[in-house]
Amino acid sequence: MDLAEVTWSVDSGASGRPEAAYELSLIDDVVALRDPDKQEHRVSMSELRGVIIETDDSGPWGADLWWLLFGADDRVAVAFPGGATGEQVVIDRLMALPGFDFETMTRAMGSTEVAVFPVWRAT
């Protein structure tokens, strides 16, 4: 399937959670994100160079955990908050990367401070 054919059918924010307005999909090993402004961002798994989880102290009211996916140019290609629509399929794929750091991810998930947690880097 061509990414141009992706149909975004989720009613953004319908759950009452602002994070749900970020819509993720994984098609043909490409992570595609549509943000609340309807901008689309993509990164293929073959071009992925790093994954970082960034946390802050805005929870439980704010999006206090963000996944940052770095592309071939070592810049953030896709960024989405915890609780994004469709996140589980993408996170499952990221966790399958060789060398993914589950221990660091677990620490990030429990963090209530401003912090950065690198969980994977291409070798």
N, C-alpha and C. Protein backbone atom coordinates (compact mmCIF):
# COMPACT_ATOMS: atom_id res chain seq x y z
N MET A 1 0.84 -1.17 0.00
CA MET A 1 0.00 0.00 0.00
C MET A 1 0.88 1.23 0.00
N ASP A 2 0.58 2.18 -0.83
CA ASP A 2 1.28 3.45 -0.90
C ASP A 2 0.83 4.32 0.27
N LEU A 3 1.80 4.97 0.93
CA LEU A 3 1.45 5.81 2.06
C LEU A 3 0.49 6.94 1.68
N ALA A 4 0.52 7.35 0.44
CA ALA A 4 -0.40 8.39 0.00
C ALA A 4 -1.84 7.91 0.08
N GLU A 5 -2.03 6.60 0.15
CA GLU A 5 -3.38 6.03 0.19
C GLU A 5 -3.88 5.81 1.62
N VAL A 6 -3.07 6.16 2.62
CA VAL A 6 -3.48 5.95 4.00
C VAL A 6 -4.74 6.78 4.27
N THR A 7 -5.72 6.14 4.85
CA THR A 7 -6.94 6.83 5.22
C THR A 7 -6.92 7.06 6.72
N TRP A 8 -7.03 8.31 7.10
CA TRP A 8 -7.05 8.68 8.51
C TRP A 8 -8.51 8.75 8.92
N SER A 9 -8.97 7.72 9.62
CA SER A 9 -10.39 7.62 9.91
C SER A 9 -10.73 7.88 11.37
N VAL A 10 -9.75 8.13 12.18
CA VAL A 10 -10.00 8.33 13.60
C VAL A 10 -10.55 9.73 13.83
N ASP A 11 -11.55 9.85 14.68
CA ASP A 11 -12.09 11.14 15.07
C ASP A 11 -11.15 11.73 16.10
N SER A 12 -10.23 12.59 15.67
CA SER A 12 -9.20 13.12 16.54
C SER A 12 -9.77 13.76 17.79
N GLY A 13 -9.23 13.35 18.91
CA GLY A 13 -9.62 13.95 20.17
C GLY A 13 -10.98 13.52 20.66
N ALA A 14 -11.61 12.58 19.99
CA ALA A 14 -12.95 12.16 20.37
C ALA A 14 -12.98 11.56 21.76
N SER A 15 -11.87 11.05 22.21
CA SER A 15 -11.82 10.41 23.52
C SER A 15 -11.74 11.44 24.65
N GLY A 16 -11.61 12.72 24.32
CA GLY A 16 -11.44 13.74 25.34
C GLY A 16 -10.00 13.89 25.80
N ARG A 17 -9.08 13.15 25.18
CA ARG A 17 -7.66 13.24 25.50
C ARG A 17 -6.94 13.93 24.35
N PRO A 18 -6.28 15.05 24.59
CA PRO A 18 -5.56 15.74 23.50
C PRO A 18 -4.55 14.85 22.79
N GLU A 19 -3.95 13.89 23.51
CA GLU A 19 -2.96 13.00 22.90
C GLU A 19 -3.57 12.17 21.78
N ALA A 20 -4.87 11.88 21.88
CA ALA A 20 -5.54 11.06 20.88
C ALA A 20 -5.62 11.76 19.52
N ALA A 21 -5.41 13.06 19.49
CA ALA A 21 -5.43 13.80 18.23
C ALA A 21 -4.19 13.52 17.38
N TYR A 22 -3.19 12.88 17.95
CA TYR A 22 -2.03 12.42 17.20
C TYR A 22 -2.35 11.01 16.72
N GLU A 23 -2.37 10.81 15.40
CA GLU A 23 -2.79 9.54 14.81
C GLU A 23 -1.60 8.85 14.15
N LEU A 24 -1.31 7.65 14.60
CA LEU A 24 -0.17 6.89 14.10
C LEU A 24 -0.63 5.67 13.31
N SER A 25 0.20 5.29 12.35
CA SER A 25 0.00 4.02 11.65
C SER A 25 1.37 3.48 11.27
N LEU A 26 1.40 2.19 11.02
CA LEU A 26 2.61 1.52 10.57
C LEU A 26 2.22 0.71 9.34
N ILE A 27 2.70 1.17 8.18
CA ILE A 27 2.36 0.52 6.92
C ILE A 27 3.65 0.28 6.15
N ASP A 28 3.84 -0.95 5.71
CA ASP A 28 5.04 -1.30 4.95
C ASP A 28 6.31 -0.86 5.66
N ASP A 29 6.34 -1.01 7.01
CA ASP A 29 7.49 -0.66 7.84
C ASP A 29 7.82 0.83 7.80
N VAL A 30 6.80 1.65 7.60
CA VAL A 30 6.95 3.10 7.67
C VAL A 30 6.01 3.62 8.76
N VAL A 31 6.58 4.37 9.70
CA VAL A 31 5.78 5.01 10.73
C VAL A 31 5.25 6.31 10.14
N ALA A 32 3.92 6.45 10.16
CA ALA A 32 3.28 7.66 9.66
C ALA A 32 2.49 8.30 10.80
N LEU A 33 2.65 9.60 10.93
CA LEU A 33 1.96 10.36 11.97
C LEU A 33 1.19 11.50 11.33
N ARG A 34 -0.04 11.68 11.78
CA ARG A 34 -0.80 12.88 11.42
C ARG A 34 -1.04 13.60 12.73
N ASP A 35 -0.51 14.83 12.84
CA ASP A 35 -0.62 15.58 14.08
C ASP A 35 -1.94 16.35 14.15
N PRO A 36 -2.23 16.99 15.26
CA PRO A 36 -3.51 17.70 15.40
C PRO A 36 -3.72 18.81 14.36
N ASP A 37 -2.63 19.33 13.78
CA ASP A 37 -2.73 20.35 12.73
C ASP A 37 -2.88 19.73 11.35
N LYS A 38 -3.06 18.40 11.30
CA LYS A 38 -3.22 17.64 10.06
C LYS A 38 -1.95 17.59 9.22
N GLN A 39 -0.80 17.88 9.83
CA GLN A 39 0.49 17.74 9.15
C GLN A 39 0.90 16.28 9.24
N GLU A 40 1.47 15.76 8.17
CA GLU A 40 1.91 14.37 8.15
C GLU A 40 3.42 14.29 8.25
N HIS A 41 3.89 13.34 9.05
CA HIS A 41 5.31 13.09 9.27
C HIS A 41 5.53 11.60 9.10
N ARG A 42 6.68 11.24 8.52
CA ARG A 42 6.96 9.82 8.25
C ARG A 42 8.43 9.52 8.45
N VAL A 43 8.67 8.27 8.82
CA VAL A 43 10.04 7.76 8.84
C VAL A 43 9.95 6.26 8.59
N SER A 44 10.78 5.78 7.68
CA SER A 44 10.82 4.34 7.45
C SER A 44 11.75 3.70 8.47
N MET A 45 11.46 2.49 8.83
CA MET A 45 12.28 1.79 9.81
C MET A 45 13.71 1.63 9.30
N SER A 46 13.89 1.53 7.99
CA SER A 46 15.24 1.39 7.44
C SER A 46 16.05 2.69 7.58
N GLU A 47 15.38 3.83 7.70
CA GLU A 47 16.06 5.11 7.86
C GLU A 47 16.16 5.55 9.32
N LEU A 48 15.53 4.81 10.21
CA LEU A 48 15.51 5.17 11.62
C LEU A 48 16.92 5.09 12.20
N ARG A 49 17.34 6.15 12.88
CA ARG A 49 18.69 6.20 13.46
C ARG A 49 18.69 6.22 14.98
N GLY A 50 17.56 6.60 15.59
CA GLY A 50 17.52 6.63 17.04
C GLY A 50 16.12 6.82 17.56
N VAL A 51 15.92 6.39 18.82
CA VAL A 51 14.63 6.54 19.49
C VAL A 51 14.92 7.05 20.90
N ILE A 52 14.27 8.14 21.25
CA ILE A 52 14.42 8.73 22.58
C ILE A 52 13.03 8.93 23.16
N ILE A 53 12.91 8.70 24.46
CA ILE A 53 11.69 9.05 25.18
C ILE A 53 12.03 10.27 26.03
N GLU A 54 11.23 11.29 25.90
CA GLU A 54 11.44 12.52 26.65
C GLU A 54 10.28 12.68 27.62
N THR A 55 10.57 13.01 28.87
CA THR A 55 9.51 13.18 29.86
C THR A 55 9.59 14.56 30.49
N ASP A 56 8.47 14.99 31.07
CA ASP A 56 8.46 16.24 31.82
C ASP A 56 7.56 16.08 33.05
N ASP A 57 7.35 17.16 33.74
CA ASP A 57 6.60 17.10 34.99
C ASP A 57 5.18 17.65 34.86
N SER A 58 4.61 17.61 33.65
CA SER A 58 3.28 18.18 33.42
C SER A 58 2.13 17.20 33.69
N GLY A 59 2.45 15.93 33.95
CA GLY A 59 1.40 14.94 34.19
C GLY A 59 0.77 15.13 35.56
N PRO A 60 -0.41 14.66 35.77
CA PRO A 60 -1.20 13.89 34.82
C PRO A 60 -2.03 14.75 33.87
N TRP A 61 -1.92 16.06 33.95
CA TRP A 61 -2.78 16.93 33.13
C TRP A 61 -2.23 17.15 31.74
N GLY A 62 -0.92 17.11 31.57
CA GLY A 62 -0.33 17.35 30.26
C GLY A 62 0.26 16.09 29.67
N ALA A 63 0.71 16.19 28.43
CA ALA A 63 1.39 15.07 27.75
C ALA A 63 2.81 15.03 28.29
N ASP A 64 3.03 14.21 29.31
CA ASP A 64 4.31 14.22 30.01
C ASP A 64 5.32 13.19 29.50
N LEU A 65 4.99 12.51 28.41
CA LEU A 65 5.91 11.54 27.82
C LEU A 65 5.79 11.63 26.29
N TRP A 66 6.92 11.80 25.63
CA TRP A 66 6.97 11.90 24.17
C TRP A 66 7.97 10.91 23.62
N TRP A 67 7.60 10.26 22.52
CA TRP A 67 8.50 9.41 21.76
C TRP A 67 9.06 10.25 20.62
N LEU A 68 10.39 10.27 20.48
CA LEU A 68 11.06 11.00 19.41
C LEU A 68 11.79 10.00 18.53
N LEU A 69 11.43 9.97 17.25
CA LEU A 69 12.05 9.06 16.29
C LEU A 69 12.93 9.86 15.35
N PHE A 70 14.19 9.51 15.31
CA PHE A 70 15.18 10.25 14.52
C PHE A 70 15.41 9.56 13.18
N GLY A 71 15.40 10.36 12.10
CA GLY A 71 15.57 9.84 10.76
C GLY A 71 17.02 9.80 10.32
N ALA A 72 17.22 9.56 9.03
CA ALA A 72 18.55 9.39 8.46
C ALA A 72 19.45 10.59 8.66
N ASP A 73 18.86 11.78 8.79
CA ASP A 73 19.65 13.00 8.99
C ASP A 73 19.91 13.29 10.47
N ASP A 74 19.56 12.35 11.35
CA ASP A 74 19.71 12.50 12.79
C ASP A 74 18.89 13.65 13.37
N ARG A 75 17.81 13.98 12.70
CA ARG A 75 16.85 14.97 13.21
C ARG A 75 15.55 14.25 13.54
N VAL A 76 14.76 14.87 14.41
CA VAL A 76 13.48 14.27 14.76
C VAL A 76 12.60 14.24 13.51
N ALA A 77 12.19 13.05 13.11
CA ALA A 77 11.32 12.87 11.95
C ALA A 77 9.87 12.73 12.38
N VAL A 78 9.66 12.06 13.51
CA VAL A 78 8.32 11.81 14.04
C VAL A 78 8.38 11.96 15.56
N ALA A 79 7.45 12.72 16.12
CA ALA A 79 7.35 12.88 17.57
C ALA A 79 5.89 12.74 17.96
N PHE A 80 5.63 11.88 18.95
CA PHE A 80 4.24 11.69 19.37
C PHE A 80 4.17 11.47 20.88
N PRO A 81 3.09 11.92 21.48
CA PRO A 81 2.94 11.75 22.93
C PRO A 81 2.45 10.36 23.29
N GLY A 82 2.74 9.94 24.51
CA GLY A 82 2.14 8.73 25.03
C GLY A 82 0.63 8.92 25.04
N GLY A 83 -0.09 7.92 24.58
CA GLY A 83 -1.54 8.02 24.48
C GLY A 83 -2.03 8.39 23.10
N ALA A 84 -1.10 8.53 22.13
CA ALA A 84 -1.49 8.82 20.76
C ALA A 84 -2.33 7.67 20.20
N THR A 85 -3.24 8.00 19.32
CA THR A 85 -4.07 6.99 18.68
C THR A 85 -3.19 6.10 17.80
N GLY A 86 -3.29 4.80 17.99
CA GLY A 86 -2.52 3.85 17.19
C GLY A 86 -1.11 3.63 17.66
N GLU A 87 -0.77 4.16 18.84
CA GLU A 87 0.62 4.09 19.29
C GLU A 87 1.11 2.66 19.55
N GLN A 88 0.25 1.77 19.99
CA GLN A 88 0.72 0.46 20.42
C GLN A 88 1.40 -0.32 19.31
N VAL A 89 0.85 -0.29 18.10
CA VAL A 89 1.48 -1.02 17.00
C VAL A 89 2.87 -0.44 16.69
N VAL A 90 3.01 0.87 16.79
CA VAL A 90 4.31 1.51 16.53
C VAL A 90 5.29 1.18 17.65
N ILE A 91 4.84 1.30 18.89
CA ILE A 91 5.72 0.99 20.02
C ILE A 91 6.14 -0.48 20.00
N ASP A 92 5.22 -1.37 19.66
CA ASP A 92 5.59 -2.79 19.54
C ASP A 92 6.68 -2.98 18.51
N ARG A 93 6.58 -2.27 17.39
CA ARG A 93 7.61 -2.39 16.34
C ARG A 93 8.94 -1.83 16.82
N LEU A 94 8.90 -0.70 17.53
CA LEU A 94 10.14 -0.12 18.06
C LEU A 94 10.80 -1.05 19.06
N MET A 95 10.00 -1.67 19.91
CA MET A 95 10.56 -2.58 20.92
C MET A 95 11.18 -3.82 20.29
N ALA A 96 10.82 -4.12 19.05
CA ALA A 96 11.39 -5.27 18.35
C ALA A 96 12.75 -4.96 17.72
N LEU A 97 13.18 -3.70 17.77
CA LEU A 97 14.47 -3.34 17.20
C LEU A 97 15.60 -4.02 17.98
N PRO A 98 16.60 -4.53 17.28
CA PRO A 98 17.71 -5.19 17.98
C PRO A 98 18.43 -4.18 18.87
N GLY A 99 18.59 -4.55 20.14
CA GLY A 99 19.29 -3.67 21.08
C GLY A 99 18.40 -2.65 21.76
N PHE A 100 17.08 -2.72 21.53
CA PHE A 100 16.17 -1.78 22.21
C PHE A 100 16.33 -1.95 23.72
N ASP A 101 16.42 -0.83 24.44
CA ASP A 101 16.70 -0.84 25.87
C ASP A 101 15.39 -0.81 26.68
N PHE A 102 14.90 -1.98 27.05
CA PHE A 102 13.64 -2.10 27.78
C PHE A 102 13.74 -1.51 29.19
N GLU A 103 14.88 -1.67 29.81
CA GLU A 103 15.07 -1.15 31.16
C GLU A 103 14.94 0.38 31.17
N THR A 104 15.57 1.03 30.21
CA THR A 104 15.48 2.49 30.12
C THR A 104 14.06 2.91 29.79
N MET A 105 13.38 2.18 28.93
CA MET A 105 11.99 2.50 28.61
C MET A 105 11.13 2.42 29.87
N THR A 106 11.34 1.41 30.68
CA THR A 106 10.57 1.24 31.91
C THR A 106 10.83 2.41 32.86
N ARG A 107 12.08 2.85 32.96
CA ARG A 107 12.38 4.02 33.80
C ARG A 107 11.68 5.26 33.26
N ALA A 108 11.67 5.43 31.94
CA ALA A 108 11.00 6.59 31.33
C ALA A 108 9.51 6.58 31.63
N MET A 109 8.89 5.42 31.54
CA MET A 109 7.45 5.31 31.76
C MET A 109 7.07 5.71 33.19
N GLY A 110 7.99 5.55 34.11
CA GLY A 110 7.70 5.90 35.50
C GLY A 110 8.21 7.27 35.90
N SER A 111 8.83 7.98 34.98
CA SER A 111 9.43 9.27 35.31
C SER A 111 8.37 10.37 35.46
N THR A 112 8.57 11.21 36.45
CA THR A 112 7.71 12.39 36.65
C THR A 112 8.54 13.66 36.61
N GLU A 113 9.73 13.56 36.06
CA GLU A 113 10.66 14.69 35.99
C GLU A 113 11.00 15.01 34.54
N VAL A 114 11.60 16.17 34.34
CA VAL A 114 12.11 16.52 33.02
C VAL A 114 13.36 15.67 32.79
N ALA A 115 13.30 14.80 31.79
CA ALA A 115 14.42 13.88 31.55
C ALA A 115 14.38 13.37 30.11
N VAL A 116 15.52 12.86 29.67
CA VAL A 116 15.67 12.29 28.33
C VAL A 116 16.19 10.85 28.49
N PHE A 117 15.54 9.91 27.80
CA PHE A 117 15.87 8.49 27.91
C PHE A 117 16.14 7.91 26.52
N PRO A 118 17.40 7.80 26.10
CA PRO A 118 17.69 7.15 24.84
C PRO A 118 17.42 5.65 24.96
N VAL A 119 16.58 5.12 24.11
CA VAL A 119 16.22 3.69 24.21
C VAL A 119 16.72 2.86 23.04
N TRP A 120 17.15 3.52 21.98
CA TRP A 120 17.70 2.76 20.85
C TRP A 120 18.50 3.67 19.96
N ARG A 121 19.60 3.13 19.42
CA ARG A 121 20.43 3.84 18.46
C ARG A 121 20.90 2.85 17.41
N ALA A 122 20.82 3.24 16.15
CA ALA A 122 21.30 2.39 15.05
C ALA A 122 22.81 2.21 15.19
N THR A 123 23.26 1.02 14.82
CA THR A 123 24.70 0.76 14.92
C THR A 123 25.31 0.71 13.53
